[in-house]
Amino acid sequence: MNKDIKGLCLFLGMIGLVYAAILVLTMLLTGVKILKSIIFISAFSSFLVSLGLTPQVKQRLVQVLKRKSEFYKMYYFK
């Protein structure tokens, strides 16, 4: 995939994730029921972010998440 398109996907995905975070704050503060919208926006934005990442970065993120999950399992779920 072209680097420009990957950058655009990454940018739009990050904007979408920030928007979803703002919606979560709005929901928590006002009690508005917009959970389905937040889930849809988060899923679509995560998809765009994953399209924008290179395979090497994806692999490193998976490794870091696995290490962190092992750490939490070892210390917090004895």
N, C-alpha and C. Protein backbone atom coordinates (compact mmCIF):
# COMPACT_ATOMS: atom_id res chain seq x y z
N MET A 1 0.85 -1.18 0.00
CA MET A 1 0.00 0.00 0.00
C MET A 1 0.90 1.24 0.00
N ASN A 2 0.45 2.27 -0.64
CA ASN A 2 1.19 3.53 -0.75
C ASN A 2 1.39 4.16 0.63
N LYS A 3 2.56 4.77 0.84
CA LYS A 3 2.86 5.39 2.13
C LYS A 3 1.90 6.54 2.45
N ASP A 4 1.51 7.27 1.42
CA ASP A 4 0.57 8.38 1.66
C ASP A 4 -0.78 7.87 2.13
N ILE A 5 -1.25 6.79 1.54
CA ILE A 5 -2.54 6.23 1.95
C ILE A 5 -2.44 5.65 3.35
N LYS A 6 -1.31 5.00 3.66
CA LYS A 6 -1.12 4.48 5.02
C LYS A 6 -1.13 5.61 6.03
N GLY A 7 -0.45 6.69 5.71
CA GLY A 7 -0.43 7.84 6.61
C GLY A 7 -1.81 8.44 6.79
N LEU A 8 -2.58 8.51 5.72
CA LEU A 8 -3.94 9.04 5.80
C LEU A 8 -4.82 8.14 6.66
N CYS A 9 -4.69 6.82 6.48
CA CYS A 9 -5.48 5.88 7.31
C CYS A 9 -5.11 6.02 8.78
N LEU A 10 -3.82 6.13 9.05
CA LEU A 10 -3.37 6.27 10.43
C LEU A 10 -3.89 7.57 11.04
N PHE A 11 -3.82 8.65 10.29
CA PHE A 11 -4.29 9.95 10.77
C PHE A 11 -5.79 9.93 11.04
N LEU A 12 -6.57 9.44 10.09
CA LEU A 12 -8.02 9.40 10.27
C LEU A 12 -8.42 8.46 11.40
N GLY A 13 -7.70 7.35 11.53
CA GLY A 13 -7.99 6.42 12.62
C GLY A 13 -7.73 7.04 13.97
N MET A 14 -6.64 7.78 14.10
CA MET A 14 -6.33 8.42 15.38
C MET A 14 -7.34 9.52 15.70
N ILE A 15 -7.76 10.26 14.69
CA ILE A 15 -8.79 11.28 14.92
C ILE A 15 -10.09 10.60 15.39
N GLY A 16 -10.43 9.48 14.78
CA GLY A 16 -11.63 8.75 15.18
C GLY A 16 -11.55 8.23 16.60
N LEU A 17 -10.37 7.74 17.00
CA LEU A 17 -10.21 7.25 18.37
C LEU A 17 -10.30 8.38 19.39
N VAL A 18 -9.76 9.54 19.05
CA VAL A 18 -9.88 10.70 19.94
C VAL A 18 -11.34 11.13 20.03
N TYR A 19 -12.04 11.11 18.92
CA TYR A 19 -13.46 11.47 18.91
C TYR A 19 -14.26 10.48 19.77
N ALA A 20 -13.93 9.20 19.68
CA ALA A 20 -14.62 8.20 20.50
C ALA A 20 -14.34 8.43 21.99
N ALA A 21 -13.10 8.83 22.32
CA ALA A 21 -12.78 9.12 23.71
C ALA A 21 -13.57 10.33 24.22
N ILE A 22 -13.73 11.34 23.38
CA ILE A 22 -14.53 12.51 23.75
C ILE A 22 -15.99 12.10 23.94
N LEU A 23 -16.49 11.21 23.09
CA LEU A 23 -17.86 10.73 23.24
C LEU A 23 -18.04 9.95 24.54
N VAL A 24 -17.04 9.17 24.93
CA VAL A 24 -17.11 8.42 26.19
C VAL A 24 -17.18 9.40 27.35
N LEU A 25 -16.36 10.44 27.33
CA LEU A 25 -16.42 11.45 28.39
C LEU A 25 -17.78 12.13 28.42
N THR A 26 -18.31 12.45 27.26
CA THR A 26 -19.63 13.07 27.19
C THR A 26 -20.69 12.14 27.76
N MET A 27 -20.58 10.86 27.42
CA MET A 27 -21.55 9.89 27.92
C MET A 27 -21.46 9.77 29.44
N LEU A 28 -20.25 9.76 29.97
CA LEU A 28 -20.09 9.62 31.41
C LEU A 28 -20.59 10.85 32.17
N LEU A 29 -20.37 12.02 31.61
CA LEU A 29 -20.74 13.25 32.30
C LEU A 29 -22.23 13.59 32.16
N THR A 30 -22.83 13.25 31.02
CA THR A 30 -24.21 13.66 30.79
C THR A 30 -25.21 12.52 30.89
N GLY A 31 -24.76 11.29 30.78
CA GLY A 31 -25.67 10.16 30.83
C GLY A 31 -26.36 9.86 29.52
N VAL A 32 -25.91 10.46 28.44
CA VAL A 32 -26.50 10.22 27.12
C VAL A 32 -26.17 8.78 26.69
N LYS A 33 -27.13 8.10 26.12
CA LYS A 33 -26.92 6.71 25.73
C LYS A 33 -26.47 6.64 24.27
N ILE A 34 -25.17 6.68 24.05
CA ILE A 34 -24.60 6.63 22.71
C ILE A 34 -23.56 5.53 22.59
N LEU A 35 -23.77 4.45 23.33
CA LEU A 35 -22.78 3.38 23.38
C LEU A 35 -22.59 2.69 22.03
N LYS A 36 -23.65 2.45 21.28
CA LYS A 36 -23.53 1.80 19.98
C LYS A 36 -22.70 2.64 19.02
N SER A 37 -22.90 3.94 19.05
CA SER A 37 -22.12 4.83 18.19
C SER A 37 -20.65 4.80 18.57
N ILE A 38 -20.37 4.79 19.86
CA ILE A 38 -18.99 4.76 20.32
C ILE A 38 -18.31 3.47 19.90
N ILE A 39 -19.02 2.35 20.03
CA ILE A 39 -18.44 1.06 19.64
C ILE A 39 -18.16 1.03 18.14
N PHE A 40 -19.09 1.52 17.33
CA PHE A 40 -18.89 1.53 15.88
C PHE A 40 -17.71 2.43 15.49
N ILE A 41 -17.66 3.63 16.04
CA ILE A 41 -16.57 4.56 15.71
C ILE A 41 -15.23 4.00 16.17
N SER A 42 -15.18 3.40 17.34
CA SER A 42 -13.93 2.82 17.84
C SER A 42 -13.46 1.66 16.96
N ALA A 43 -14.39 0.80 16.57
CA ALA A 43 -14.02 -0.35 15.73
C ALA A 43 -13.52 0.11 14.36
N PHE A 44 -14.23 1.03 13.75
CA PHE A 44 -13.82 1.52 12.44
C PHE A 44 -12.49 2.26 12.51
N SER A 45 -12.29 3.06 13.55
CA SER A 45 -11.04 3.80 13.70
C SER A 45 -9.87 2.85 13.98
N SER A 46 -10.12 1.82 14.77
CA SER A 46 -9.07 0.83 15.02
C SER A 46 -8.69 0.10 13.73
N PHE A 47 -9.67 -0.18 12.90
CA PHE A 47 -9.40 -0.79 11.60
C PHE A 47 -8.53 0.13 10.75
N LEU A 48 -8.85 1.41 10.72
CA LEU A 48 -8.05 2.36 9.94
C LEU A 48 -6.62 2.46 10.48
N VAL A 49 -6.48 2.46 11.80
CA VAL A 49 -5.14 2.52 12.39
C VAL A 49 -4.35 1.28 12.01
N SER A 50 -5.00 0.11 12.06
CA SER A 50 -4.28 -1.11 11.71
C SER A 50 -3.89 -1.13 10.24
N LEU A 51 -4.68 -0.51 9.37
CA LEU A 51 -4.29 -0.41 7.97
C LEU A 51 -3.07 0.49 7.79
N GLY A 52 -2.97 1.51 8.63
CA GLY A 52 -1.88 2.47 8.48
C GLY A 52 -0.56 2.02 9.06
N LEU A 53 -0.57 0.98 9.89
CA LEU A 53 0.67 0.53 10.52
C LEU A 53 1.41 -0.46 9.62
N THR A 54 2.73 -0.43 9.70
CA THR A 54 3.53 -1.39 8.95
C THR A 54 3.54 -2.73 9.70
N PRO A 55 3.83 -3.81 9.02
CA PRO A 55 3.85 -5.12 9.69
C PRO A 55 4.84 -5.20 10.85
N GLN A 56 5.98 -4.50 10.73
CA GLN A 56 6.97 -4.52 11.82
C GLN A 56 6.41 -3.87 13.07
N VAL A 57 5.71 -2.76 12.91
CA VAL A 57 5.13 -2.05 14.05
C VAL A 57 4.03 -2.89 14.68
N LYS A 58 3.21 -3.53 13.86
CA LYS A 58 2.17 -4.40 14.38
C LYS A 58 2.77 -5.52 15.22
N GLN A 59 3.85 -6.11 14.72
CA GLN A 59 4.50 -7.21 15.43
C GLN A 59 5.06 -6.73 16.77
N ARG A 60 5.68 -5.55 16.79
CA ARG A 60 6.20 -5.01 18.05
C ARG A 60 5.09 -4.72 19.04
N LEU A 61 3.98 -4.17 18.56
CA LEU A 61 2.85 -3.90 19.45
C LEU A 61 2.29 -5.18 20.07
N VAL A 62 2.20 -6.23 19.27
CA VAL A 62 1.70 -7.51 19.79
C VAL A 62 2.66 -8.05 20.84
N GLN A 63 3.97 -7.94 20.60
CA GLN A 63 4.95 -8.42 21.58
C GLN A 63 4.85 -7.64 22.88
N VAL A 64 4.72 -6.33 22.80
CA VAL A 64 4.61 -5.51 24.01
C VAL A 64 3.34 -5.86 24.78
N LEU A 65 2.23 -6.02 24.08
CA LEU A 65 0.97 -6.37 24.75
C LEU A 65 1.05 -7.74 25.41
N LYS A 66 1.72 -8.69 24.78
CA LYS A 66 1.87 -10.01 25.38
C LYS A 66 2.71 -9.93 26.65
N ARG A 67 3.81 -9.15 26.61
CA ARG A 67 4.65 -9.00 27.80
C ARG A 67 3.88 -8.34 28.94
N LYS A 68 3.12 -7.31 28.60
CA LYS A 68 2.35 -6.61 29.64
C LYS A 68 1.28 -7.51 30.23
N SER A 69 0.62 -8.30 29.39
CA SER A 69 -0.41 -9.19 29.92
C SER A 69 0.20 -10.26 30.81
N GLU A 70 1.38 -10.77 30.46
CA GLU A 70 2.06 -11.73 31.32
C GLU A 70 2.44 -11.10 32.65
N PHE A 71 2.88 -9.85 32.62
CA PHE A 71 3.25 -9.14 33.84
C PHE A 71 2.04 -9.01 34.76
N TYR A 72 0.90 -8.58 34.19
CA TYR A 72 -0.29 -8.40 35.01
C TYR A 72 -0.82 -9.72 35.55
N LYS A 73 -0.76 -10.76 34.74
CA LYS A 73 -1.20 -12.08 35.20
C LYS A 73 -0.31 -12.56 36.35
N MET A 74 0.98 -12.32 36.24
CA MET A 74 1.91 -12.81 37.23
C MET A 74 1.75 -12.08 38.56
N TYR A 75 1.54 -10.77 38.56
CA TYR A 75 1.52 -9.99 39.79
C TYR A 75 0.13 -9.73 40.34
N TYR A 76 -0.89 -9.66 39.50
CA TYR A 76 -2.20 -9.26 39.99
C TYR A 76 -3.20 -10.41 40.07
N PHE A 77 -2.94 -11.51 39.38
CA PHE A 77 -3.89 -12.62 39.40
C PHE A 77 -3.22 -13.89 39.92
N LYS A 78 -2.71 -13.81 41.13
CA LYS A 78 -2.05 -14.96 41.75
C LYS A 78 -3.07 -15.92 42.28
